[in-house]
Amino acid sequence: MSRKPEGELRRGWTTGACATAATKAALAGLWGSGVPDAVQITLPRGEVPVFDINLSEVGEGWARAGIVKDAGDDPDVTHLAMIVVTVRPSAGGVVFRAGDGVGTVTKPGLPIAVGEPAINPVPRAMMDEVVAEMAVAFDQSPDIEIEVAVPNGRVLAGKTWNPRLGIEGGLSILGTTGIVRPFSCAAWIASIHRGIDVAAADGLTHVAGCTGATSEKVVQDLHLLPDHAMLDMGDFAGGLLKYLAKHPVPHITIGGGIGKLTKLAQGAIDLHSGRSQVDFERLSQDLDADVVDANTALEAYDRVGAPMAEWVAQAALARVSAMVPQTTVDIVVIDRVGEILARAQ
């Protein structure tokens, strides 16, 4: 693992940073006297972390190095995964290969072309720089094949957006800064953006953003939408809608439980319970009903019934439509077991 700065919440390192460090170590094994115990790399913003090498092998015409990824205090699916790089001479230039557990792009709309290994542009650039640096240091030709593998990556990929994005066979090698910042929302929102890109590139005219698994199933069954039309919005309504305003799709369905969608109806675009709350005094005025002392939106619904669900659907429709004026919008409000309480379109 890498040696990390002290602090209450520890930063981690992206799969791209780990792959870059493993590439440097493997090249030292291919061109030098063996794979070192640790290497230092420079990240895009100038940080120079040191990575311990957890796996090393050298054979005739190849070398391999592996690093156990430490995501710090971020709940990252690839935390403690082994990122393994094997290097070999290539016929010309730097060539990237997907090893076991690294996916291949099969749909347009991603920053990597169809048919290419799912190794994103910044990690590719970082590895290119390491090859150039090491080639000069060892007086070698920078014609290298870099194969990146993640043992168990196929299983881990099932917990990510990759299957919906058309990345088959495993994980993506990601990162723009090389650093995983604990509990960052950025990765989730970036996945939403890539989902919109893939849907648009595939010619989809109808996508959906839902607050959770139950509402997602209801909406997908209701509209018979394919998996890659389902944008994992979660609490990040703003992240989805702001991007959709700039990259319109003809039709979007927003689905969610009555609690989350009540907050959206009242103007919130971050629906996390720690960052927005239902305004029950305002809700009482909007519904002309006494729900000021309600503990939850569901309790308010239990008192008011269908008129509240209808108000939530219509108010959420107005809110979303104002944010994405070029897109047709419909709203689906459900209860906790997935029954549709109201729709607006």
Protein backbone atom coordinates (compact mmCIF):
# COMPACT_ATOMS: atom_id res chain seq x y z
CA MET A 1 0.00 0.00 0.00
CA SER A 2 1.00 3.61 -0.31
CA ARG A 3 2.30 5.66 2.63
CA LYS A 4 -0.34 8.22 3.36
CA PRO A 5 -0.60 11.57 5.07
CA GLU A 6 -1.93 11.71 8.60
CA GLY A 7 -5.33 13.16 9.33
CA GLU A 8 -8.74 12.41 10.75
CA LEU A 9 -10.01 11.24 7.35
CA ARG A 10 -7.37 9.53 5.25
CA ARG A 11 -7.09 10.18 1.55
CA GLY A 12 -6.70 7.26 -0.81
CA TRP A 13 -5.26 6.66 -4.25
CA THR A 14 -7.15 5.95 -7.46
CA THR A 15 -6.81 2.79 -9.51
CA GLY A 16 -5.09 4.99 -12.12
CA ALA A 17 -2.43 6.14 -9.65
CA CYS A 18 -1.85 2.56 -8.50
CA ALA A 19 -1.56 1.33 -12.11
CA THR A 20 0.93 4.11 -12.87
CA ALA A 21 3.11 3.23 -9.89
CA ALA A 22 2.91 -0.47 -10.77
CA THR A 23 3.94 0.37 -14.35
CA LYS A 24 7.01 2.22 -13.09
CA ALA A 25 7.99 -0.68 -10.84
CA ALA A 26 7.45 -3.25 -13.60
CA LEU A 27 9.57 -1.24 -16.05
CA ALA A 28 12.37 -1.17 -13.50
CA GLY A 29 12.09 -4.95 -13.39
CA LEU A 30 12.09 -5.24 -17.20
CA TRP A 31 14.95 -2.84 -17.87
CA GLY A 32 16.85 -2.77 -14.59
CA SER A 33 18.05 -5.15 -11.92
CA GLY A 34 14.63 -6.10 -10.57
CA VAL A 35 11.28 -4.81 -9.34
CA PRO A 36 11.88 -2.38 -6.44
CA ASP A 37 10.15 -2.57 -3.08
CA ALA A 38 8.62 0.90 -3.54
CA VAL A 39 8.32 3.61 -6.17
CA GLN A 40 7.48 7.29 -6.20
CA ILE A 41 5.34 8.90 -8.90
CA THR A 42 4.19 12.44 -9.61
CA LEU A 43 0.43 12.98 -9.75
CA PRO A 44 -1.27 15.52 -12.06
CA ARG A 45 -1.39 18.19 -9.34
CA GLY A 46 2.19 17.72 -8.26
CA GLU A 47 1.85 15.35 -5.29
CA VAL A 48 4.62 12.74 -5.09
CA PRO A 49 3.33 9.74 -3.12
CA VAL A 50 5.38 6.60 -2.54
CA PHE A 51 3.74 3.24 -3.24
CA ASP A 52 4.85 -0.05 -1.71
CA ILE A 53 5.04 -2.91 -4.21
CA ASN A 54 3.08 -5.94 -3.04
CA LEU A 55 3.73 -8.30 -5.96
CA SER A 56 6.75 -8.66 -8.25
CA GLU A 57 7.66 -11.14 -10.97
CA VAL A 58 10.17 -11.03 -13.82
CA GLY A 59 10.41 -13.39 -16.78
CA GLU A 60 12.00 -13.54 -20.22
CA GLY A 61 10.83 -10.37 -21.97
CA TRP A 62 8.29 -9.32 -19.34
CA ALA A 63 7.97 -8.00 -15.80
CA ARG A 64 5.05 -7.61 -13.43
CA ALA A 65 4.28 -5.50 -10.36
CA GLY A 66 1.20 -5.27 -8.18
CA ILE A 67 -0.05 -2.72 -5.65
CA VAL A 68 -2.86 -3.19 -3.12
CA LYS A 69 -5.08 -0.16 -3.54
CA ASP A 70 -5.79 1.85 -0.40
CA ALA A 71 -8.85 4.07 -0.85
CA GLY A 72 -8.33 5.66 2.55
CA ASP A 73 -11.59 6.38 4.34
CA ASP A 74 -13.65 6.44 1.15
CA PRO A 75 -16.22 3.61 0.78
CA ASP A 76 -14.67 2.53 -2.53
CA VAL A 77 -15.52 -0.84 -4.06
CA THR A 78 -11.89 -1.27 -5.13
CA HIS A 79 -10.43 -0.66 -1.66
CA LEU A 80 -7.77 -3.35 -1.02
CA ALA A 81 -8.00 -4.68 -4.58
CA MET A 82 -4.69 -5.66 -6.18
CA ILE A 83 -3.82 -3.57 -9.24
CA VAL A 84 -1.40 -5.63 -11.35
CA VAL A 85 0.59 -4.35 -14.33
CA THR A 86 2.58 -6.52 -16.72
CA VAL A 87 4.92 -4.81 -19.20
CA ARG A 88 6.39 -6.23 -22.41
CA PRO A 89 8.07 -4.72 -25.47
CA SER A 90 5.57 -3.62 -28.14
CA ALA A 91 5.78 -3.23 -31.90
CA GLY A 92 5.54 0.54 -31.57
CA GLY A 93 4.60 3.11 -28.95
CA VAL A 94 2.69 2.51 -25.75
CA VAL A 95 -0.10 -0.05 -26.14
CA PHE A 96 -2.70 -0.69 -23.42
CA ARG A 97 -4.26 -4.10 -22.80
CA ALA A 98 -7.07 -5.20 -20.50
CA GLY A 99 -5.92 -8.03 -18.28
CA ASP A 100 -8.12 -10.20 -16.10
CA GLY A 101 -10.70 -8.11 -14.25
CA VAL A 102 -10.30 -4.94 -16.34
CA GLY A 103 -13.19 -4.13 -18.64
CA THR A 104 -13.45 -3.35 -22.34
CA VAL A 105 -15.57 -0.50 -23.71
CA THR A 106 -18.48 -1.75 -25.84
CA LYS A 107 -20.71 1.34 -26.10
CA PRO A 108 -19.99 4.84 -27.44
CA GLY A 109 -20.25 7.92 -25.26
CA LEU A 110 -17.32 7.23 -22.94
CA PRO A 111 -13.98 9.05 -23.17
CA ILE A 112 -12.40 5.82 -24.47
CA ALA A 113 -13.23 4.37 -27.89
CA VAL A 114 -15.28 1.21 -28.34
CA GLY A 115 -13.06 -1.86 -28.25
CA GLU A 116 -10.42 -0.25 -26.07
CA PRO A 117 -9.49 -1.31 -22.53
CA ALA A 118 -11.43 0.70 -19.93
CA ILE A 119 -8.37 2.70 -18.88
CA ASN A 120 -9.35 6.34 -18.74
CA PRO A 121 -7.42 9.20 -20.42
CA VAL A 122 -5.65 10.63 -17.36
CA PRO A 123 -4.29 7.25 -16.16
CA ARG A 124 -3.17 6.56 -19.74
CA ALA A 125 -1.35 9.90 -19.83
CA MET A 126 0.27 9.20 -16.45
CA MET A 127 1.50 5.81 -17.64
CA ASP A 128 2.73 7.32 -20.92
CA GLU A 129 4.80 9.81 -18.91
CA VAL A 130 6.25 7.06 -16.73
CA VAL A 131 7.25 5.04 -19.81
CA ALA A 132 8.98 8.07 -21.32
CA GLU A 133 10.74 8.87 -18.03
CA MET A 134 11.92 5.30 -17.46
CA ALA A 135 13.00 4.83 -21.10
CA VAL A 136 15.32 7.82 -20.75
CA ALA A 137 16.61 6.63 -17.38
CA PHE A 138 17.44 3.13 -18.71
CA ASP A 139 18.33 4.17 -22.28
CA GLN A 140 15.57 1.99 -23.74
CA SER A 141 13.00 2.38 -26.49
CA PRO A 142 9.61 3.61 -25.15
CA ASP A 143 7.74 0.92 -27.10
CA ILE A 144 5.87 -0.91 -24.36
CA GLU A 145 2.73 -2.93 -23.94
CA ILE A 146 1.02 -2.24 -20.60
CA GLU A 147 -1.46 -4.86 -19.44
CA VAL A 148 -3.51 -3.84 -16.39
CA ALA A 149 -5.33 -6.51 -14.39
CA VAL A 150 -7.42 -6.54 -11.22
CA PRO A 151 -7.90 -10.03 -9.80
CA ASN A 152 -11.57 -10.43 -8.82
CA GLY A 153 -12.33 -7.33 -10.89
CA ARG A 154 -15.18 -9.03 -12.73
CA VAL A 155 -16.99 -9.57 -9.45
CA LEU A 156 -16.26 -6.07 -8.17
CA ALA A 157 -17.48 -4.54 -11.45
CA GLY A 158 -20.94 -5.91 -10.72
CA LYS A 159 -21.12 -3.41 -7.84
CA THR A 160 -20.37 -0.48 -10.15
CA TRP A 161 -22.02 1.27 -13.08
CA ASN A 162 -19.80 -0.53 -15.59
CA PRO A 163 -22.36 -3.06 -16.87
CA ARG A 164 -24.85 -0.27 -17.62
CA LEU A 165 -22.20 1.86 -19.26
CA GLY A 166 -21.30 -0.96 -21.62
CA ILE A 167 -17.96 -1.78 -19.99
CA GLU A 168 -17.74 -5.56 -20.10
CA GLY A 169 -15.42 -7.94 -18.34
CA GLY A 170 -14.36 -5.94 -15.33
CA LEU A 171 -13.49 -2.63 -13.74
CA SER A 172 -12.35 0.69 -15.16
CA ILE A 173 -8.97 2.19 -14.34
CA LEU A 174 -9.98 5.66 -13.21
CA GLY A 175 -8.78 8.93 -11.76
CA THR A 176 -8.22 12.54 -12.76
CA THR A 177 -6.03 13.69 -9.87
CA GLY A 178 -4.76 10.33 -8.62
CA ILE A 179 -6.30 11.02 -5.22
CA VAL A 180 -9.46 9.57 -3.69
CA ARG A 181 -10.87 12.13 -1.28
CA PRO A 182 -12.90 10.52 1.51
CA PHE A 183 -16.65 10.47 1.07
CA SER A 184 -16.46 12.63 -2.04
CA CYS A 185 -19.63 12.97 -4.11
CA ALA A 186 -17.59 13.70 -7.21
CA ALA A 187 -17.21 10.09 -8.36
CA TRP A 188 -20.94 9.40 -8.12
CA ILE A 189 -21.86 12.57 -10.01
CA ALA A 190 -19.22 11.81 -12.64
CA SER A 191 -20.83 8.38 -13.12
CA ILE A 192 -24.22 10.05 -13.64
CA HIS A 193 -22.67 12.29 -16.30
CA ARG A 194 -21.07 9.34 -18.08
CA GLY A 195 -24.42 7.53 -17.95
CA ILE A 196 -26.09 10.42 -19.76
CA ASP A 197 -23.27 10.47 -22.33
CA VAL A 198 -23.60 6.74 -23.01
CA ALA A 199 -27.40 6.93 -23.29
CA ALA A 200 -27.17 9.84 -25.73
CA ALA A 201 -24.46 8.19 -27.81
CA ASP A 202 -26.60 5.05 -28.04
CA GLY A 203 -29.51 7.10 -29.36
CA LEU A 204 -31.77 6.64 -26.34
CA THR A 205 -34.58 9.18 -26.19
CA HIS A 206 -35.84 8.30 -22.69
CA VAL A 207 -33.76 8.00 -19.53
CA ALA A 208 -34.64 7.84 -15.84
CA GLY A 209 -33.13 9.10 -12.61
CA CYS A 210 -34.33 7.47 -9.41
CA THR A 211 -33.58 7.93 -5.75
CA GLY A 212 -33.14 4.25 -4.91
CA ALA A 213 -33.44 0.64 -6.01
CA THR A 214 -37.19 0.33 -5.37
CA SER A 215 -38.16 3.40 -7.38
CA GLU A 216 -35.72 2.38 -10.11
CA LYS A 217 -37.40 -1.00 -10.54
CA VAL A 218 -40.85 0.59 -10.60
CA VAL A 219 -39.85 3.14 -13.24
CA GLN A 220 -37.93 0.65 -15.36
CA ASP A 221 -40.88 -1.76 -15.40
CA LEU A 222 -43.35 1.06 -16.01
CA HIS A 223 -41.57 2.37 -19.10
CA LEU A 224 -39.78 -0.84 -20.20
CA LEU A 225 -36.45 0.97 -20.21
CA PRO A 226 -33.11 -0.78 -20.85
CA ASP A 227 -30.54 -0.91 -18.06
CA HIS A 228 -28.33 1.77 -19.58
CA ALA A 229 -31.25 4.20 -19.57
CA MET A 230 -31.34 4.03 -15.77
CA LEU A 231 -29.20 6.81 -14.28
CA ASP A 232 -28.26 6.09 -10.67
CA MET A 233 -29.31 9.51 -9.43
CA GLY A 234 -29.59 8.70 -5.74
CA ASP A 235 -29.58 11.93 -3.77
CA PHE A 236 -27.83 13.89 -6.53
CA ALA A 237 -30.78 15.35 -8.42
CA GLY A 238 -28.83 18.53 -9.03
CA GLY A 239 -25.83 16.68 -10.45
CA LEU A 240 -28.10 14.92 -12.91
CA LEU A 241 -30.32 17.83 -13.90
CA LYS A 242 -27.57 20.43 -14.30
CA TYR A 243 -25.69 18.14 -16.67
CA LEU A 244 -28.88 17.20 -18.51
CA ALA A 245 -29.63 20.90 -19.05
CA LYS A 246 -26.39 21.19 -21.01
CA HIS A 247 -26.62 17.74 -22.66
CA PRO A 248 -30.36 17.26 -23.23
CA VAL A 249 -32.11 13.94 -23.75
CA PRO A 250 -35.68 14.16 -25.12
CA HIS A 251 -37.45 12.56 -22.15
CA ILE A 252 -36.57 11.92 -18.51
CA THR A 253 -38.52 10.22 -15.75
CA ILE A 254 -37.69 11.11 -12.16
CA GLY A 255 -38.80 8.48 -9.68
CA GLY A 256 -38.55 8.29 -5.92
CA GLY A 257 -40.14 7.84 -2.56
CA ILE A 258 -42.46 10.50 -1.28
CA GLY A 259 -39.91 11.75 1.28
CA LYS A 260 -37.13 12.47 -1.22
CA LEU A 261 -39.50 13.87 -3.83
CA THR A 262 -41.18 16.17 -1.31
CA LYS A 263 -37.79 17.80 -0.81
CA LEU A 264 -37.34 18.05 -4.58
CA ALA A 265 -40.83 19.56 -4.85
CA GLN A 266 -39.81 22.18 -2.28
CA GLY A 267 -36.74 23.12 -4.29
CA ALA A 268 -33.93 20.95 -2.89
CA ILE A 269 -31.61 19.38 -5.45
CA ASP A 270 -29.38 17.54 -2.95
CA LEU A 271 -31.77 15.06 -1.39
CA HIS A 272 -29.46 13.61 1.26
CA SER A 273 -30.98 13.67 4.73
CA GLY A 274 -27.91 15.43 6.09
CA ARG A 275 -28.10 18.23 3.55
CA SER A 276 -31.81 18.95 3.07
CA GLN A 277 -34.98 18.54 5.09
CA VAL A 278 -38.73 18.72 4.44
CA ASP A 279 -40.13 22.10 5.48
CA PHE A 280 -43.31 20.99 7.25
CA GLU A 281 -44.56 24.51 7.93
CA ARG A 282 -44.38 25.32 4.25
CA LEU A 283 -45.86 21.93 3.40
CA SER A 284 -48.85 22.68 5.62
CA GLN A 285 -49.45 25.89 3.68
CA ASP A 286 -49.05 24.20 0.31
CA LEU A 287 -51.45 21.40 1.24
CA ASP A 288 -53.79 23.53 3.37
CA ALA A 289 -53.49 20.78 5.99
CA ASP A 290 -52.11 20.57 9.50
CA VAL A 291 -48.86 18.63 9.14
CA VAL A 292 -46.55 21.05 10.95
CA ASP A 293 -45.78 18.50 13.66
CA ALA A 294 -45.29 15.54 11.30
CA ASN A 295 -41.99 13.73 11.78
CA THR A 296 -41.62 12.56 8.18
CA ALA A 297 -43.12 13.19 4.77
CA LEU A 298 -44.59 9.68 4.91
CA GLU A 299 -46.38 10.57 8.15
CA ALA A 300 -47.73 13.69 6.47
CA TYR A 301 -48.92 11.54 3.59
CA ASP A 302 -50.63 9.15 5.99
CA ARG A 303 -52.61 12.13 7.33
CA VAL A 304 -53.39 13.85 4.05
CA GLY A 305 -53.51 10.95 1.61
CA ALA A 306 -53.64 11.18 -2.18
CA PRO A 307 -53.82 15.01 -2.39
CA MET A 308 -50.32 15.25 -0.89
CA ALA A 309 -48.86 12.73 -3.33
CA GLU A 310 -50.49 14.59 -6.23
CA TRP A 311 -49.10 17.91 -4.99
CA VAL A 312 -45.60 16.41 -4.65
CA ALA A 313 -45.73 15.01 -8.17
CA GLN A 314 -46.94 18.28 -9.71
CA ALA A 315 -44.53 20.49 -7.72
CA ALA A 316 -41.59 18.22 -8.50
CA LEU A 317 -42.59 18.26 -12.16
CA ALA A 318 -42.54 22.06 -12.16
CA ARG A 319 -39.17 22.15 -10.40
CA VAL A 320 -37.49 19.64 -12.72
CA SER A 321 -39.05 21.10 -15.89
CA ALA A 322 -37.67 24.52 -15.00
CA MET A 323 -34.16 23.05 -14.75
CA VAL A 324 -34.30 21.07 -18.01
CA PRO A 325 -36.53 23.15 -20.31
CA GLN A 326 -35.51 21.23 -23.45
CA THR A 327 -36.53 17.87 -21.98
CA THR A 328 -39.96 16.32 -21.49
CA VAL A 329 -40.33 15.33 -17.84
CA ASP A 330 -42.51 12.93 -15.92
CA ILE A 331 -42.52 12.20 -12.19
CA VAL A 332 -43.32 8.93 -10.41
CA VAL A 333 -43.91 9.03 -6.64
CA ILE A 334 -43.89 5.73 -4.77
CA ASP A 335 -44.26 4.45 -1.23
CA ARG A 336 -41.73 2.27 0.59
CA VAL A 337 -42.95 -0.98 -0.96
CA GLY A 338 -43.02 0.35 -4.51
CA GLU A 339 -46.68 1.21 -4.96
CA ILE A 340 -47.19 4.24 -7.19
CA LEU A 341 -48.83 7.02 -5.19
CA ALA A 342 -48.95 9.66 -7.93
CA ARG A 343 -47.65 10.56 -11.38
CA ALA A 344 -47.29 13.84 -13.21
CA GLN A 345 -46.26 14.37 -16.82
